[in-house]
């Protein structure tokens, strides 16, 4: 199966809500105007396509110099485990290779821990650090 990765430049609410809904991220789908604004103010967004169908997305926020934060990385469940998430992440990491800090937060599952470790990320506990979060 051949996939194309390209900049996601025209926001299509239907296809984006479908992606978030497919992985159960209802905190986003229940507030589509927030999601629209989040996309408009992102540093970079790449989409993965199977022909013309959007099957994955990665969204980055930050300044692009000292810090980038991978806010969202989503692949439709039926397209997972085909290398799409890895390809999206590798493209972003290459684009921002000179950025000092690259961060993300994810579910505390063995699947996600192994995925992110496999592409070079470390858990905060691995570097004698703590991450803090304040949720609205």
N, C-alpha and C. Protein backbone atom coordinates (compact mmCIF):
# COMPACT_ATOMS: atom_id res chain seq x y z
N UNK A 1 0.84 -1.18 0.00
CA UNK A 1 0.00 0.00 0.00
C UNK A 1 0.89 1.24 0.00
N UNK A 2 0.60 2.18 -0.86
CA UNK A 2 1.39 3.39 -1.01
C UNK A 2 0.66 4.57 -0.37
N UNK A 3 1.38 5.33 0.45
CA UNK A 3 0.81 6.49 1.13
C UNK A 3 1.59 7.73 0.73
N UNK A 4 0.90 8.85 0.70
CA UNK A 4 1.51 10.13 0.42
C UNK A 4 1.44 10.98 1.67
N UNK A 5 2.56 11.62 2.01
CA UNK A 5 2.58 12.55 3.14
C UNK A 5 2.76 13.95 2.55
N UNK A 6 1.87 14.86 2.92
CA UNK A 6 2.00 16.24 2.44
C UNK A 6 1.41 17.19 3.47
N UNK A 7 1.75 18.45 3.30
CA UNK A 7 1.24 19.46 4.22
C UNK A 7 -0.28 19.51 4.13
N UNK A 8 -0.89 19.55 5.29
CA UNK A 8 -2.35 19.67 5.38
C UNK A 8 -2.66 21.16 5.45
N UNK A 9 -3.11 21.73 4.33
CA UNK A 9 -3.23 23.18 4.26
C UNK A 9 -4.67 23.69 4.18
N UNK A 10 -5.61 22.86 3.81
CA UNK A 10 -7.00 23.29 3.73
C UNK A 10 -7.81 22.47 4.74
N UNK A 11 -8.26 23.15 5.78
CA UNK A 11 -8.98 22.47 6.86
C UNK A 11 -10.34 22.00 6.37
N UNK A 12 -10.59 20.71 6.54
CA UNK A 12 -11.88 20.11 6.20
C UNK A 12 -12.44 19.50 7.48
N UNK A 13 -13.40 20.18 8.08
CA UNK A 13 -13.91 19.77 9.38
C UNK A 13 -14.42 18.34 9.39
N UNK A 14 -15.11 17.92 8.35
CA UNK A 14 -15.65 16.57 8.30
C UNK A 14 -14.58 15.49 8.38
N UNK A 15 -13.53 15.63 7.59
CA UNK A 15 -12.49 14.61 7.61
C UNK A 15 -11.67 14.65 8.89
N UNK A 16 -11.48 15.83 9.45
CA UNK A 16 -10.74 15.93 10.71
C UNK A 16 -11.57 15.34 11.86
N UNK A 17 -12.84 15.69 11.94
CA UNK A 17 -13.69 15.12 12.99
C UNK A 17 -13.78 13.61 12.85
N UNK A 18 -13.79 13.10 11.63
CA UNK A 18 -13.81 11.65 11.41
C UNK A 18 -12.57 11.00 12.00
N UNK A 19 -11.40 11.60 11.79
CA UNK A 19 -10.16 11.05 12.35
C UNK A 19 -10.23 11.01 13.88
N UNK A 20 -10.57 12.13 14.49
CA UNK A 20 -10.62 12.20 15.95
C UNK A 20 -11.68 11.26 16.52
N UNK A 21 -12.82 11.20 15.85
CA UNK A 21 -13.89 10.31 16.29
C UNK A 21 -13.47 8.84 16.18
N UNK A 22 -12.68 8.51 15.16
CA UNK A 22 -12.29 7.10 14.93
C UNK A 22 -11.43 6.55 16.06
N UNK A 23 -10.75 7.45 16.78
CA UNK A 23 -9.90 7.00 17.90
C UNK A 23 -10.49 7.39 19.25
N UNK A 24 -11.73 7.89 19.23
CA UNK A 24 -12.45 8.17 20.47
C UNK A 24 -12.04 9.44 21.20
N UNK A 25 -11.47 10.40 20.49
CA UNK A 25 -11.05 11.64 21.13
C UNK A 25 -12.21 12.64 21.17
N UNK A 26 -13.19 12.32 21.99
CA UNK A 26 -14.42 13.10 22.04
C UNK A 26 -14.24 14.49 22.64
N UNK A 27 -13.17 14.71 23.40
CA UNK A 27 -12.94 16.06 23.92
C UNK A 27 -12.71 17.04 22.78
N UNK A 28 -12.26 16.57 21.64
CA UNK A 28 -12.08 17.40 20.46
C UNK A 28 -13.37 17.44 19.63
N UNK A 29 -13.98 16.29 19.42
CA UNK A 29 -15.16 16.24 18.55
C UNK A 29 -16.36 16.94 19.18
N UNK A 30 -16.38 17.06 20.50
CA UNK A 30 -17.49 17.75 21.15
C UNK A 30 -17.31 19.27 21.11
N UNK A 31 -16.18 19.73 20.64
CA UNK A 31 -15.92 21.16 20.55
C UNK A 31 -15.23 21.49 19.22
N UNK A 32 -15.97 21.35 18.12
CA UNK A 32 -15.35 21.54 16.80
C UNK A 32 -14.80 22.94 16.56
N UNK A 33 -15.37 23.97 17.17
CA UNK A 33 -14.84 25.32 16.94
C UNK A 33 -13.45 25.46 17.58
N UNK A 34 -13.24 24.84 18.75
CA UNK A 34 -11.93 24.85 19.37
C UNK A 34 -10.92 24.14 18.47
N UNK A 35 -11.33 23.00 17.91
CA UNK A 35 -10.44 22.24 17.04
C UNK A 35 -10.10 23.03 15.78
N UNK A 36 -11.07 23.70 15.21
CA UNK A 36 -10.82 24.54 14.03
C UNK A 36 -9.78 25.61 14.35
N UNK A 37 -9.96 26.29 15.47
CA UNK A 37 -9.00 27.33 15.87
C UNK A 37 -7.63 26.74 16.17
N UNK A 38 -7.59 25.57 16.79
CA UNK A 38 -6.32 24.91 17.07
C UNK A 38 -5.56 24.62 15.77
N UNK A 39 -6.27 24.14 14.77
CA UNK A 39 -5.63 23.87 13.48
C UNK A 39 -5.13 25.15 12.82
N UNK A 40 -5.93 26.21 12.90
CA UNK A 40 -5.53 27.48 12.29
C UNK A 40 -4.27 28.05 12.92
N UNK A 41 -4.02 27.74 14.20
CA UNK A 41 -2.89 28.31 14.91
C UNK A 41 -1.74 27.33 15.13
N UNK A 42 -1.76 26.23 14.42
CA UNK A 42 -0.69 25.23 14.54
C UNK A 42 0.55 25.68 13.80
N UNK A 43 1.69 25.20 14.25
CA UNK A 43 2.96 25.49 13.59
C UNK A 43 3.07 24.73 12.27
N UNK A 44 2.69 23.45 12.29
CA UNK A 44 2.80 22.60 11.10
C UNK A 44 1.81 21.45 11.22
N UNK A 45 1.20 21.09 10.10
CA UNK A 45 0.28 19.95 10.04
C UNK A 45 0.61 19.16 8.78
N UNK A 46 0.83 17.87 8.96
CA UNK A 46 1.04 16.98 7.82
C UNK A 46 -0.09 15.95 7.80
N UNK A 47 -0.52 15.62 6.60
CA UNK A 47 -1.53 14.59 6.43
C UNK A 47 -0.96 13.40 5.69
N UNK A 48 -1.48 12.23 6.02
CA UNK A 48 -1.13 11.00 5.29
C UNK A 48 -2.35 10.62 4.46
N UNK A 49 -2.12 10.32 3.21
CA UNK A 49 -3.21 10.06 2.28
C UNK A 49 -3.06 8.71 1.61
N UNK A 50 -4.19 8.03 1.47
CA UNK A 50 -4.31 6.85 0.63
C UNK A 50 -5.14 7.32 -0.55
N UNK A 51 -4.49 7.57 -1.66
CA UNK A 51 -5.09 8.27 -2.80
C UNK A 51 -5.53 9.65 -2.29
N UNK A 52 -6.83 9.96 -2.34
CA UNK A 52 -7.31 11.27 -1.86
C UNK A 52 -7.90 11.20 -0.46
N UNK A 53 -7.84 10.04 0.17
CA UNK A 53 -8.45 9.87 1.49
C UNK A 53 -7.44 10.18 2.59
N UNK A 54 -7.81 11.10 3.49
CA UNK A 54 -6.97 11.42 4.63
C UNK A 54 -7.06 10.26 5.62
N UNK A 55 -5.92 9.63 5.90
CA UNK A 55 -5.92 8.47 6.79
C UNK A 55 -5.10 8.70 8.06
N UNK A 56 -4.37 9.82 8.09
CA UNK A 56 -3.58 10.13 9.27
C UNK A 56 -3.21 11.60 9.30
N UNK A 57 -2.89 12.08 10.49
CA UNK A 57 -2.53 13.49 10.66
C UNK A 57 -1.52 13.62 11.78
N UNK A 58 -0.64 14.60 11.67
CA UNK A 58 0.22 14.98 12.77
C UNK A 58 0.17 16.50 12.83
N UNK A 59 0.01 17.00 14.06
CA UNK A 59 -0.12 18.45 14.25
C UNK A 59 0.89 18.89 15.30
N UNK A 60 1.64 19.95 14.96
CA UNK A 60 2.72 20.43 15.80
C UNK A 60 2.46 21.88 16.19
N UNK A 61 2.73 22.19 17.46
CA UNK A 61 2.66 23.56 17.95
C UNK A 61 4.02 23.91 18.55
N UNK A 62 4.27 25.19 18.74
CA UNK A 62 5.53 25.61 19.33
C UNK A 62 6.15 26.75 18.55
N UNK A 63 7.42 27.05 18.88
CA UNK A 63 8.10 28.15 18.20
C UNK A 63 8.95 27.68 17.02
N UNK A 64 9.21 26.39 16.93
CA UNK A 64 9.99 25.86 15.82
C UNK A 64 11.48 26.03 15.94
N UNK A 65 11.95 26.57 17.05
CA UNK A 65 13.38 26.79 17.25
C UNK A 65 13.87 26.15 18.54
N UNK A 66 13.27 26.50 19.66
CA UNK A 66 13.70 25.89 20.92
C UNK A 66 12.77 24.77 21.34
N UNK A 67 11.52 24.79 20.84
CA UNK A 67 10.54 23.81 21.30
C UNK A 67 9.49 23.53 20.23
N UNK A 68 9.21 22.26 20.01
CA UNK A 68 8.02 21.85 19.27
C UNK A 68 7.31 20.81 20.12
N UNK A 69 6.01 20.87 20.07
CA UNK A 69 5.18 19.94 20.81
C UNK A 69 4.29 19.23 19.81
N UNK A 70 4.39 17.93 19.78
CA UNK A 70 3.54 17.15 18.90
C UNK A 70 2.21 16.99 19.61
N UNK A 71 1.28 17.81 19.20
CA UNK A 71 -0.01 17.87 19.87
C UNK A 71 -0.88 16.67 19.51
N UNK A 72 -0.96 16.36 18.24
CA UNK A 72 -1.82 15.26 17.79
C UNK A 72 -1.11 14.42 16.75
N UNK A 73 -1.22 13.13 16.90
CA UNK A 73 -0.84 12.20 15.84
C UNK A 73 -1.91 11.12 15.86
N UNK A 74 -2.64 11.03 14.74
CA UNK A 74 -3.79 10.13 14.65
C UNK A 74 -3.72 9.39 13.32
N UNK A 75 -3.99 8.11 13.36
CA UNK A 75 -4.13 7.29 12.16
C UNK A 75 -5.44 6.51 12.29
N UNK A 76 -6.22 6.51 11.24
CA UNK A 76 -7.46 5.73 11.27
C UNK A 76 -7.16 4.30 11.71
N UNK A 77 -7.98 3.73 12.59
CA UNK A 77 -7.69 2.38 13.10
C UNK A 77 -7.43 1.34 12.03
N UNK A 78 -8.15 1.38 10.93
CA UNK A 78 -7.96 0.38 9.88
C UNK A 78 -6.64 0.57 9.12
N UNK A 79 -5.95 1.69 9.34
CA UNK A 79 -4.67 1.96 8.70
C UNK A 79 -3.50 1.89 9.68
N UNK A 80 -3.80 1.61 10.94
CA UNK A 80 -2.73 1.52 11.94
C UNK A 80 -1.89 0.27 11.71
N UNK A 81 -0.65 0.33 12.20
CA UNK A 81 0.32 -0.76 12.10
C UNK A 81 0.77 -1.01 10.66
N UNK A 82 0.75 0.07 9.86
CA UNK A 82 1.22 0.00 8.48
C UNK A 82 2.37 0.99 8.26
N UNK A 83 2.88 1.58 9.33
CA UNK A 83 4.01 2.49 9.24
C UNK A 83 3.63 3.95 9.02
N UNK A 84 2.36 4.26 8.98
CA UNK A 84 1.93 5.64 8.70
C UNK A 84 2.30 6.57 9.85
N UNK A 85 2.00 6.18 11.08
CA UNK A 85 2.35 7.01 12.23
C UNK A 85 3.84 7.25 12.31
N UNK A 86 4.61 6.21 12.08
CA UNK A 86 6.07 6.34 12.10
C UNK A 86 6.54 7.31 11.01
N UNK A 87 5.98 7.18 9.82
CA UNK A 87 6.37 8.06 8.71
C UNK A 87 6.02 9.51 9.02
N UNK A 88 4.83 9.75 9.54
CA UNK A 88 4.44 11.12 9.91
C UNK A 88 5.41 11.69 10.95
N UNK A 89 5.70 10.92 11.96
CA UNK A 89 6.59 11.36 13.02
C UNK A 89 8.00 11.59 12.51
N UNK A 90 8.51 10.70 11.67
CA UNK A 90 9.86 10.87 11.11
C UNK A 90 9.97 12.14 10.28
N UNK A 91 8.93 12.44 9.50
CA UNK A 91 8.95 13.65 8.67
C UNK A 91 9.00 14.90 9.55
N UNK A 92 8.21 14.92 10.62
CA UNK A 92 8.22 16.07 11.54
C UNK A 92 9.56 16.16 12.25
N UNK A 93 10.07 15.04 12.75
CA UNK A 93 11.35 15.07 13.46
C UNK A 93 12.48 15.52 12.54
N UNK A 94 12.44 15.14 11.28
CA UNK A 94 13.46 15.59 10.33
C UNK A 94 13.32 17.09 10.08
N UNK A 95 12.11 17.54 9.88
CA UNK A 95 11.90 18.96 9.61
C UNK A 95 12.38 19.84 10.77
N UNK A 96 12.21 19.33 11.99
CA UNK A 96 12.60 20.10 13.17
C UNK A 96 13.81 19.48 13.88
N UNK A 97 14.70 18.90 13.12
CA UNK A 97 15.84 18.19 13.69
C UNK A 97 16.75 19.08 14.54
N UNK A 98 16.79 20.37 14.26
CA UNK A 98 17.66 21.27 15.01
C UNK A 98 16.97 21.92 16.20
N UNK A 99 15.74 21.58 16.44
CA UNK A 99 15.01 22.13 17.58
C UNK A 99 15.46 21.41 18.85
N UNK A 100 15.75 22.17 19.88
CA UNK A 100 16.29 21.64 21.13
C UNK A 100 15.36 20.63 21.80
N UNK A 101 14.09 20.98 21.99
CA UNK A 101 13.16 20.09 22.68
C UNK A 101 12.00 19.70 21.77
N UNK A 102 11.75 18.41 21.72
CA UNK A 102 10.60 17.88 21.00
C UNK A 102 9.80 17.09 22.02
N UNK A 103 8.57 17.49 22.27
CA UNK A 103 7.79 16.89 23.35
C UNK A 103 6.44 16.41 22.84
N UNK A 104 5.87 15.50 23.60
CA UNK A 104 4.51 15.05 23.36
C UNK A 104 3.99 14.40 24.63
N UNK A 105 2.70 14.25 24.69
CA UNK A 105 2.06 13.54 25.79
C UNK A 105 1.12 12.52 25.16
N UNK A 106 1.07 11.33 25.76
CA UNK A 106 0.25 10.27 25.19
C UNK A 106 -0.34 9.41 26.28
N UNK A 107 -1.19 8.49 25.87
CA UNK A 107 -1.79 7.55 26.81
C UNK A 107 -0.71 6.67 27.43
N UNK A 108 -0.93 6.27 28.65
CA UNK A 108 0.02 5.42 29.36
C UNK A 108 -0.33 3.95 29.11
N UNK A 109 -0.11 3.52 27.87
CA UNK A 109 -0.33 2.13 27.50
C UNK A 109 0.97 1.56 26.96
N UNK A 110 1.13 0.28 27.06
CA UNK A 110 2.34 -0.36 26.55
C UNK A 110 2.51 -0.10 25.05
N UNK A 111 1.41 -0.10 24.32
CA UNK A 111 1.44 0.13 22.88
C UNK A 111 2.03 1.51 22.55
N UNK A 112 1.54 2.56 23.23
CA UNK A 112 2.05 3.89 22.93
C UNK A 112 3.47 4.09 23.46
N UNK A 113 3.76 3.55 24.62
CA UNK A 113 5.12 3.67 25.16
C UNK A 113 6.12 3.04 24.21
N UNK A 114 5.84 1.84 23.73
CA UNK A 114 6.76 1.16 22.82
C UNK A 114 6.89 1.90 21.50
N UNK A 115 5.78 2.43 20.99
CA UNK A 115 5.83 3.18 19.73
C UNK A 115 6.77 4.37 19.85
N UNK A 116 6.57 5.20 20.86
CA UNK A 116 7.37 6.41 20.98
C UNK A 116 8.82 6.11 21.33
N UNK A 117 9.05 5.09 22.12
CA UNK A 117 10.44 4.70 22.39
C UNK A 117 11.11 4.21 21.11
N UNK A 118 10.36 3.53 20.24
CA UNK A 118 10.95 2.99 19.01
C UNK A 118 11.40 4.08 18.05
N UNK A 119 10.87 5.30 18.20
CA UNK A 119 11.28 6.40 17.34
C UNK A 119 12.13 7.42 18.09
N UNK A 120 12.69 7.00 19.24
CA UNK A 120 13.69 7.81 19.92
C UNK A 120 13.25 8.69 21.06
N UNK A 121 11.98 8.66 21.41
CA UNK A 121 11.52 9.46 22.54
C UNK A 121 11.82 8.73 23.85
N UNK A 122 11.99 9.51 24.91
CA UNK A 122 12.20 8.97 26.24
C UNK A 122 11.06 9.42 27.14
N UNK A 123 10.73 8.58 28.10
CA UNK A 123 9.74 8.98 29.10
C UNK A 123 10.39 9.96 30.06
N UNK A 124 9.60 10.83 30.66
CA UNK A 124 10.16 11.81 31.60
C UNK A 124 10.90 11.12 32.74
N UNK A 125 10.43 9.98 33.16
CA UNK A 125 11.08 9.25 34.25
C UNK A 125 12.45 8.70 33.84
N UNK A 126 12.65 8.49 32.53
CA UNK A 126 13.94 7.98 32.04
C UNK A 126 15.04 9.03 32.10
N UNK A 127 14.66 10.30 32.19
CA UNK A 127 15.66 11.36 32.23
C UNK A 127 15.58 12.14 33.55
N UNK A 128 15.12 11.46 34.58
CA UNK A 128 15.03 12.04 35.92
C UNK A 128 14.33 13.39 35.88
N UNK A 129 13.15 13.38 35.27
CA UNK A 129 12.40 14.59 35.06
C UNK A 129 10.94 14.36 35.45
N UNK A 130 10.18 15.40 35.48
CA UNK A 130 8.75 15.34 35.73
C UNK A 130 8.06 16.23 34.73
N UNK A 131 6.95 15.79 34.21
CA UNK A 131 6.12 16.61 33.34
C UNK A 131 4.91 17.07 34.16
N UNK A 132 4.47 18.29 33.91
CA UNK A 132 3.31 18.84 34.61
C UNK A 132 2.29 19.30 33.60
N UNK A 133 1.03 19.21 33.96
CA UNK A 133 -0.05 19.56 33.06
C UNK A 133 -1.16 20.19 33.87
N UNK A 134 -1.73 21.24 33.33
CA UNK A 134 -2.91 21.86 33.94
C UNK A 134 -4.00 21.86 32.87
N UNK A 135 -5.07 21.16 33.15
CA UNK A 135 -6.15 21.02 32.17
C UNK A 135 -7.26 21.99 32.53
N UNK A 136 -7.74 22.66 31.53
CA UNK A 136 -8.81 23.64 31.66
C UNK A 136 -10.05 23.01 32.17
